[in-house]
Amino acid sequence: MPPPIPADAAQRLLAETQETATRLNKLNAFMGGDIFPTLAREDKDLLYEQQRTMSTLVQILGKRLERANLPFTHAPSTPAEAPASLKA
């Protein structure tokens, strides 16, 4: 098992993963909506590329969380809901 990472680094890693996953979910919702099909082919291609890249980033961040033995949780709606192990 890899050595533990400092608490502040763990907080940043979890926050980055949550933020990226949230942005990816919003992009997916947009791409499943009514506006996406009306876009120019080049714009759609760029959004598909962005979606793939963001998905890869979320997977990489997830692997880093696993190596740090940190569970992925969706972003809490308030800071009070953050896991105690990740509070400063």
N, C-alpha and C. Protein backbone atom coordinates (compact mmCIF):
# COMPACT_ATOMS: atom_id res chain seq x y z
N MET A 1 0.85 -1.18 0.00
CA MET A 1 0.00 0.00 0.00
C MET A 1 0.90 1.24 0.00
N PRO A 2 0.56 2.24 -0.83
CA PRO A 2 1.37 3.45 -0.88
C PRO A 2 1.26 4.23 0.43
N PRO A 3 2.26 5.05 0.72
CA PRO A 3 2.20 5.85 1.95
C PRO A 3 1.04 6.83 1.88
N PRO A 4 0.46 7.18 3.03
CA PRO A 4 -0.66 8.12 3.02
C PRO A 4 -0.23 9.50 2.53
N ILE A 5 -1.16 10.20 1.92
CA ILE A 5 -0.85 11.56 1.48
C ILE A 5 -1.34 12.53 2.55
N PRO A 6 -0.71 13.71 2.64
CA PRO A 6 -1.13 14.69 3.65
C PRO A 6 -2.62 15.03 3.51
N ALA A 7 -3.25 15.38 4.62
CA ALA A 7 -4.69 15.67 4.63
C ALA A 7 -5.06 16.79 3.66
N ASP A 8 -4.22 17.83 3.58
CA ASP A 8 -4.56 18.93 2.67
C ASP A 8 -4.49 18.48 1.21
N ALA A 9 -3.55 17.62 0.89
CA ALA A 9 -3.46 17.09 -0.47
C ALA A 9 -4.65 16.17 -0.76
N ALA A 10 -5.07 15.40 0.23
CA ALA A 10 -6.23 14.52 0.07
C ALA A 10 -7.49 15.36 -0.17
N GLN A 11 -7.63 16.45 0.54
CA GLN A 11 -8.78 17.35 0.35
C GLN A 11 -8.78 17.92 -1.05
N ARG A 12 -7.62 18.36 -1.51
CA ARG A 12 -7.53 18.95 -2.86
C ARG A 12 -7.83 17.90 -3.93
N LEU A 13 -7.32 16.69 -3.75
CA LEU A 13 -7.56 15.62 -4.72
C LEU A 13 -9.04 15.27 -4.77
N LEU A 14 -9.67 15.13 -3.62
CA LEU A 14 -11.09 14.82 -3.59
C LEU A 14 -11.90 15.95 -4.21
N ALA A 15 -11.57 17.20 -3.87
CA ALA A 15 -12.30 18.35 -4.41
C ALA A 15 -12.15 18.41 -5.94
N GLU A 16 -10.93 18.19 -6.43
CA GLU A 16 -10.71 18.21 -7.88
C GLU A 16 -11.52 17.12 -8.57
N THR A 17 -11.56 15.95 -7.97
CA THR A 17 -12.32 14.84 -8.55
C THR A 17 -13.80 15.17 -8.56
N GLN A 18 -14.31 15.69 -7.45
CA GLN A 18 -15.73 16.05 -7.38
C GLN A 18 -16.08 17.13 -8.38
N GLU A 19 -15.26 18.17 -8.46
CA GLU A 19 -15.53 19.28 -9.38
C GLU A 19 -15.51 18.81 -10.83
N THR A 20 -14.52 17.99 -11.17
CA THR A 20 -14.41 17.51 -12.54
C THR A 20 -15.58 16.59 -12.88
N ALA A 21 -15.96 15.72 -11.95
CA ALA A 21 -17.11 14.83 -12.17
C ALA A 21 -18.39 15.64 -12.33
N THR A 22 -18.55 16.69 -11.55
CA THR A 22 -19.73 17.54 -11.65
C THR A 22 -19.78 18.23 -13.01
N ARG A 23 -18.64 18.76 -13.45
CA ARG A 23 -18.59 19.42 -14.76
C ARG A 23 -18.87 18.42 -15.89
N LEU A 24 -18.34 17.20 -15.75
CA LEU A 24 -18.58 16.17 -16.76
C LEU A 24 -20.07 15.81 -16.79
N ASN A 25 -20.70 15.69 -15.63
CA ASN A 25 -22.13 15.39 -15.59
C ASN A 25 -22.94 16.50 -16.27
N LYS A 26 -22.55 17.74 -16.05
CA LYS A 26 -23.25 18.87 -16.69
C LYS A 26 -23.05 18.83 -18.21
N LEU A 27 -21.84 18.51 -18.64
CA LEU A 27 -21.58 18.40 -20.07
C LEU A 27 -22.42 17.27 -20.67
N ASN A 28 -22.47 16.13 -20.00
CA ASN A 28 -23.27 15.01 -20.48
C ASN A 28 -24.74 15.39 -20.59
N ALA A 29 -25.23 16.13 -19.58
CA ALA A 29 -26.63 16.57 -19.62
C ALA A 29 -26.87 17.50 -20.80
N PHE A 30 -25.94 18.41 -21.04
CA PHE A 30 -26.07 19.32 -22.18
C PHE A 30 -26.08 18.53 -23.49
N MET A 31 -25.20 17.56 -23.60
CA MET A 31 -25.09 16.79 -24.83
C MET A 31 -26.32 15.91 -25.05
N GLY A 32 -27.05 15.63 -23.98
CA GLY A 32 -28.28 14.85 -24.12
C GLY A 32 -29.51 15.73 -24.29
N GLY A 33 -29.31 17.03 -24.33
CA GLY A 33 -30.43 17.97 -24.42
C GLY A 33 -30.80 18.33 -25.85
N ASP A 34 -31.64 19.33 -25.95
CA ASP A 34 -32.20 19.75 -27.24
C ASP A 34 -31.26 20.60 -28.08
N ILE A 35 -30.34 21.31 -27.45
CA ILE A 35 -29.48 22.24 -28.19
C ILE A 35 -28.35 21.51 -28.91
N PHE A 36 -27.78 20.50 -28.26
CA PHE A 36 -26.62 19.82 -28.82
C PHE A 36 -26.82 19.36 -30.27
N PRO A 37 -27.95 18.72 -30.60
CA PRO A 37 -28.12 18.26 -31.99
C PRO A 37 -28.14 19.38 -33.03
N THR A 38 -28.41 20.60 -32.58
CA THR A 38 -28.49 21.72 -33.53
C THR A 38 -27.13 22.36 -33.80
N LEU A 39 -26.11 21.97 -33.06
CA LEU A 39 -24.79 22.57 -33.22
C LEU A 39 -24.12 22.12 -34.51
N ALA A 40 -23.17 22.92 -34.96
CA ALA A 40 -22.38 22.56 -36.14
C ALA A 40 -21.55 21.31 -35.84
N ARG A 41 -21.29 20.54 -36.86
CA ARG A 41 -20.55 19.28 -36.72
C ARG A 41 -19.22 19.49 -35.99
N GLU A 42 -18.47 20.53 -36.33
CA GLU A 42 -17.17 20.78 -35.69
C GLU A 42 -17.34 21.04 -34.19
N ASP A 43 -18.38 21.79 -33.82
CA ASP A 43 -18.63 22.06 -32.41
C ASP A 43 -18.98 20.77 -31.66
N LYS A 44 -19.80 19.94 -32.29
CA LYS A 44 -20.15 18.65 -31.66
C LYS A 44 -18.90 17.79 -31.50
N ASP A 45 -18.06 17.75 -32.53
CA ASP A 45 -16.83 16.96 -32.45
C ASP A 45 -15.94 17.45 -31.30
N LEU A 46 -15.84 18.76 -31.14
CA LEU A 46 -15.03 19.31 -30.06
C LEU A 46 -15.62 18.96 -28.69
N LEU A 47 -16.93 18.99 -28.58
CA LEU A 47 -17.57 18.62 -27.31
C LEU A 47 -17.39 17.13 -27.01
N TYR A 48 -17.46 16.29 -28.04
CA TYR A 48 -17.19 14.86 -27.84
C TYR A 48 -15.75 14.65 -27.35
N GLU A 49 -14.83 15.37 -27.95
CA GLU A 49 -13.43 15.27 -27.53
C GLU A 49 -13.27 15.74 -26.08
N GLN A 50 -13.92 16.84 -25.75
CA GLN A 50 -13.87 17.35 -24.37
C GLN A 50 -14.46 16.32 -23.41
N GLN A 51 -15.56 15.70 -23.80
CA GLN A 51 -16.20 14.69 -22.95
C GLN A 51 -15.26 13.50 -22.70
N ARG A 52 -14.61 13.02 -23.75
CA ARG A 52 -13.67 11.90 -23.61
C ARG A 52 -12.50 12.28 -22.70
N THR A 53 -11.97 13.48 -22.90
CA THR A 53 -10.83 13.94 -22.11
C THR A 53 -11.20 14.08 -20.64
N MET A 54 -12.36 14.68 -20.39
CA MET A 54 -12.80 14.85 -19.00
C MET A 54 -13.07 13.49 -18.35
N SER A 55 -13.62 12.57 -19.10
CA SER A 55 -13.87 11.22 -18.57
C SER A 55 -12.56 10.54 -18.20
N THR A 56 -11.56 10.68 -19.06
CA THR A 56 -10.24 10.12 -18.76
C THR A 56 -9.66 10.76 -17.50
N LEU A 57 -9.81 12.07 -17.36
CA LEU A 57 -9.31 12.76 -16.17
C LEU A 57 -10.00 12.25 -14.91
N VAL A 58 -11.31 12.08 -14.95
CA VAL A 58 -12.04 11.57 -13.78
C VAL A 58 -11.54 10.16 -13.44
N GLN A 59 -11.28 9.33 -14.45
CA GLN A 59 -10.77 7.99 -14.20
C GLN A 59 -9.39 8.04 -13.54
N ILE A 60 -8.52 8.91 -14.02
CA ILE A 60 -7.18 9.04 -13.45
C ILE A 60 -7.27 9.53 -12.01
N LEU A 61 -8.09 10.54 -11.77
CA LEU A 61 -8.25 11.05 -10.40
C LEU A 61 -8.82 9.96 -9.49
N GLY A 62 -9.74 9.17 -10.02
CA GLY A 62 -10.30 8.06 -9.24
C GLY A 62 -9.23 7.04 -8.86
N LYS A 63 -8.33 6.75 -9.79
CA LYS A 63 -7.23 5.81 -9.49
C LYS A 63 -6.31 6.39 -8.41
N ARG A 64 -6.08 7.70 -8.48
CA ARG A 64 -5.25 8.34 -7.45
C ARG A 64 -5.95 8.27 -6.09
N LEU A 65 -7.26 8.46 -6.07
CA LEU A 65 -8.00 8.33 -4.81
C LEU A 65 -7.89 6.91 -4.27
N GLU A 66 -8.02 5.92 -5.15
CA GLU A 66 -7.88 4.52 -4.73
C GLU A 66 -6.51 4.25 -4.14
N ARG A 67 -5.47 4.75 -4.81
CA ARG A 67 -4.11 4.53 -4.30
C ARG A 67 -3.90 5.20 -2.96
N ALA A 68 -4.61 6.30 -2.72
CA ALA A 68 -4.50 7.00 -1.43
C ALA A 68 -5.49 6.42 -0.42
N ASN A 69 -6.21 5.37 -0.83
CA ASN A 69 -7.19 4.71 0.04
C ASN A 69 -8.28 5.69 0.49
N LEU A 70 -8.70 6.56 -0.44
CA LEU A 70 -9.75 7.53 -0.16
C LEU A 70 -10.98 7.17 -1.00
N PRO A 71 -12.13 7.06 -0.39
CA PRO A 71 -13.33 6.75 -1.18
C PRO A 71 -13.79 7.99 -1.93
N PHE A 72 -14.30 7.77 -3.14
CA PHE A 72 -14.88 8.89 -3.88
C PHE A 72 -16.29 9.09 -3.38
N THR A 73 -16.61 10.32 -3.04
CA THR A 73 -17.97 10.69 -2.69
C THR A 73 -18.32 11.92 -3.50
N HIS A 74 -19.59 12.04 -3.83
CA HIS A 74 -20.01 13.23 -4.55
C HIS A 74 -19.88 14.43 -3.63
N ALA A 75 -19.71 15.58 -4.21
CA ALA A 75 -19.50 16.80 -3.44
C ALA A 75 -20.66 17.03 -2.48
N PRO A 76 -20.36 17.28 -1.21
CA PRO A 76 -21.44 17.58 -0.26
C PRO A 76 -22.06 18.93 -0.60
N SER A 77 -23.34 19.07 -0.25
CA SER A 77 -24.00 20.34 -0.54
C SER A 77 -23.56 21.43 0.42
N THR A 78 -23.05 21.03 1.59
CA THR A 78 -22.50 22.00 2.54
C THR A 78 -21.20 21.45 3.10
N PRO A 79 -20.27 22.32 3.49
CA PRO A 79 -19.00 21.84 4.05
C PRO A 79 -19.18 20.97 5.28
N ALA A 80 -20.24 21.17 6.04
CA ALA A 80 -20.47 20.38 7.25
C ALA A 80 -20.68 18.90 6.92
N GLU A 81 -21.09 18.60 5.68
CA GLU A 81 -21.31 17.22 5.29
C GLU A 81 -20.05 16.49 4.85
N ALA A 82 -18.92 17.20 4.75
CA ALA A 82 -17.67 16.58 4.31
C ALA A 82 -17.23 15.54 5.35
N PRO A 83 -16.64 14.42 4.88
CA PRO A 83 -16.18 13.40 5.81
C PRO A 83 -15.19 13.98 6.82
N ALA A 84 -15.28 13.55 8.07
CA ALA A 84 -14.42 14.06 9.14
C ALA A 84 -12.94 13.86 8.81
N SER A 85 -12.60 12.77 8.11
CA SER A 85 -11.20 12.50 7.79
C SER A 85 -10.62 13.53 6.84
N LEU A 86 -11.48 14.31 6.17
CA LEU A 86 -10.99 15.28 5.20
C LEU A 86 -11.15 16.72 5.69
N LYS A 87 -11.64 16.91 6.89
CA LYS A 87 -11.77 18.26 7.43
C LYS A 87 -10.43 18.70 7.98
N ALA A 88 -10.15 19.99 7.87
CA ALA A 88 -8.84 20.53 8.29
C ALA A 88 -8.64 20.44 9.77
